């Protein structure tokens, strides 16, 4: 019974750590999207395209290298960044449409 109790306590502790990391990720993403919102407004004000394929490719390459250094699957990191980039472009297009 003692082993089961210790396992459950360890599980609770680890899940608490995961919950804290999830909260940090949400707040970091919110900050990132505040910055990209400003980029979208600047692009719209100067009739720049919503997407910047060269910048996106640089970011993906940079993130893949960071993922490798952190022992995180680079393919997963790239999928994650591509998801974010798609959302950012969608926001930039919406900003441009409102500004037109």
Protein backbone atom coordinates (compact mmCIF):
# COMPACT_ATOMS: atom_id res chain seq x y z
CA UNK A 1 0.00 0.00 0.00
CA UNK A 2 2.88 2.34 0.75
CA UNK A 3 4.29 1.91 -2.77
CA UNK A 4 0.92 2.73 -4.31
CA UNK A 5 0.66 5.85 -2.16
CA UNK A 6 4.15 6.96 -3.22
CA UNK A 7 3.34 6.34 -6.87
CA UNK A 8 0.12 8.35 -6.62
CA UNK A 9 1.94 11.20 -4.85
CA UNK A 10 4.65 11.22 -7.53
CA UNK A 11 1.99 11.18 -10.25
CA UNK A 12 0.19 14.11 -8.61
CA UNK A 13 3.47 16.04 -8.37
CA UNK A 14 4.36 15.40 -12.02
CA UNK A 15 0.89 16.38 -13.19
CA UNK A 16 1.15 19.58 -11.19
CA UNK A 17 4.40 20.36 -12.99
CA UNK A 18 2.72 19.69 -16.33
CA UNK A 19 -0.17 21.98 -15.39
CA UNK A 20 2.28 24.76 -14.51
CA UNK A 21 4.13 24.31 -17.80
CA UNK A 22 0.85 24.38 -19.73
CA UNK A 23 -0.06 27.66 -18.03
CA UNK A 24 3.34 29.11 -18.92
CA UNK A 25 2.92 28.02 -22.55
CA UNK A 26 -0.48 29.70 -22.78
CA UNK A 27 0.92 32.95 -21.41
CA UNK A 28 3.94 32.79 -23.73
CA UNK A 29 1.68 32.19 -26.72
CA UNK A 30 -0.48 35.14 -25.70
CA UNK A 31 2.60 37.37 -25.58
CA UNK A 32 3.78 36.04 -28.93
CA UNK A 33 0.42 36.79 -30.53
CA UNK A 34 0.43 40.33 -29.09
CA UNK A 35 3.72 40.90 -30.91
CA UNK A 36 2.49 39.33 -34.14
CA UNK A 37 -0.65 41.46 -33.92
CA UNK A 38 1.58 44.54 -34.03
CA UNK A 39 3.46 43.06 -37.00
CA UNK A 40 0.12 42.52 -38.77
CA UNK A 41 -0.93 46.11 -38.14
CA UNK A 42 2.41 47.40 -39.46
CA UNK A 43 2.14 45.20 -42.55
CA UNK A 44 -1.43 46.36 -43.20
CA UNK A 45 -0.49 50.01 -42.80
CA UNK A 46 2.25 49.63 -45.41
CA UNK A 47 0.46 47.23 -47.78
CA UNK A 48 2.90 44.40 -47.08
CA UNK A 49 1.82 40.80 -47.65
CA UNK A 50 0.46 38.80 -44.71
CA UNK A 51 2.91 35.96 -45.30
CA UNK A 52 6.70 36.18 -45.49
CA UNK A 53 7.89 32.79 -46.78
CA UNK A 54 11.61 33.64 -46.42
CA UNK A 55 11.16 34.67 -42.77
CA UNK A 56 8.99 31.63 -42.10
CA UNK A 57 11.66 29.30 -43.54
CA UNK A 58 14.34 30.97 -41.39
CA UNK A 59 12.18 30.57 -38.29
CA UNK A 60 11.51 26.91 -39.02
CA UNK A 61 15.21 26.24 -39.53
CA UNK A 62 16.06 28.09 -36.31
CA UNK A 63 13.37 26.29 -34.31
CA UNK A 64 14.43 22.88 -35.63
CA UNK A 65 18.01 23.58 -34.49
CA UNK A 66 16.81 24.69 -31.05
CA UNK A 67 14.65 21.59 -30.80
CA UNK A 68 17.61 19.36 -31.59
CA UNK A 69 19.69 21.14 -28.93
CA UNK A 70 16.86 20.64 -26.43
CA UNK A 71 16.44 16.95 -27.36
CA UNK A 72 12.96 17.61 -28.74
CA UNK A 73 11.84 16.02 -31.98
CA UNK A 74 12.56 18.67 -34.66
CA UNK A 75 9.65 17.42 -36.78
CA UNK A 76 7.28 18.01 -33.87
CA UNK A 77 8.74 21.50 -33.32
CA UNK A 78 8.28 22.28 -37.00
CA UNK A 79 4.64 21.11 -36.97
CA UNK A 80 4.01 23.26 -33.92
CA UNK A 81 5.59 26.34 -35.51
CA UNK A 82 3.74 25.76 -38.80
CA UNK A 83 0.47 25.70 -36.86
CA UNK A 84 1.36 29.01 -35.22
CA UNK A 85 2.49 30.55 -38.53
CA UNK A 86 -0.81 29.58 -40.18
CA UNK A 87 -2.72 31.25 -37.36
CA UNK A 88 -0.56 34.38 -37.53
CA UNK A 89 -1.08 34.67 -41.29
CA UNK A 90 -4.82 34.27 -40.79
CA UNK A 91 -4.74 37.12 -38.25
CA UNK A 92 -2.62 39.29 -40.56
CA UNK A 93 -5.08 38.78 -43.42
CA UNK A 94 -7.99 39.73 -41.14
CA UNK A 95 -6.16 42.87 -40.02
CA UNK A 96 -5.44 43.80 -43.64
CA UNK A 97 -9.11 43.30 -44.59
CA UNK A 98 -10.24 45.54 -41.71
CA UNK A 99 -7.71 48.18 -42.71
CA UNK A 100 -8.71 48.23 -46.38
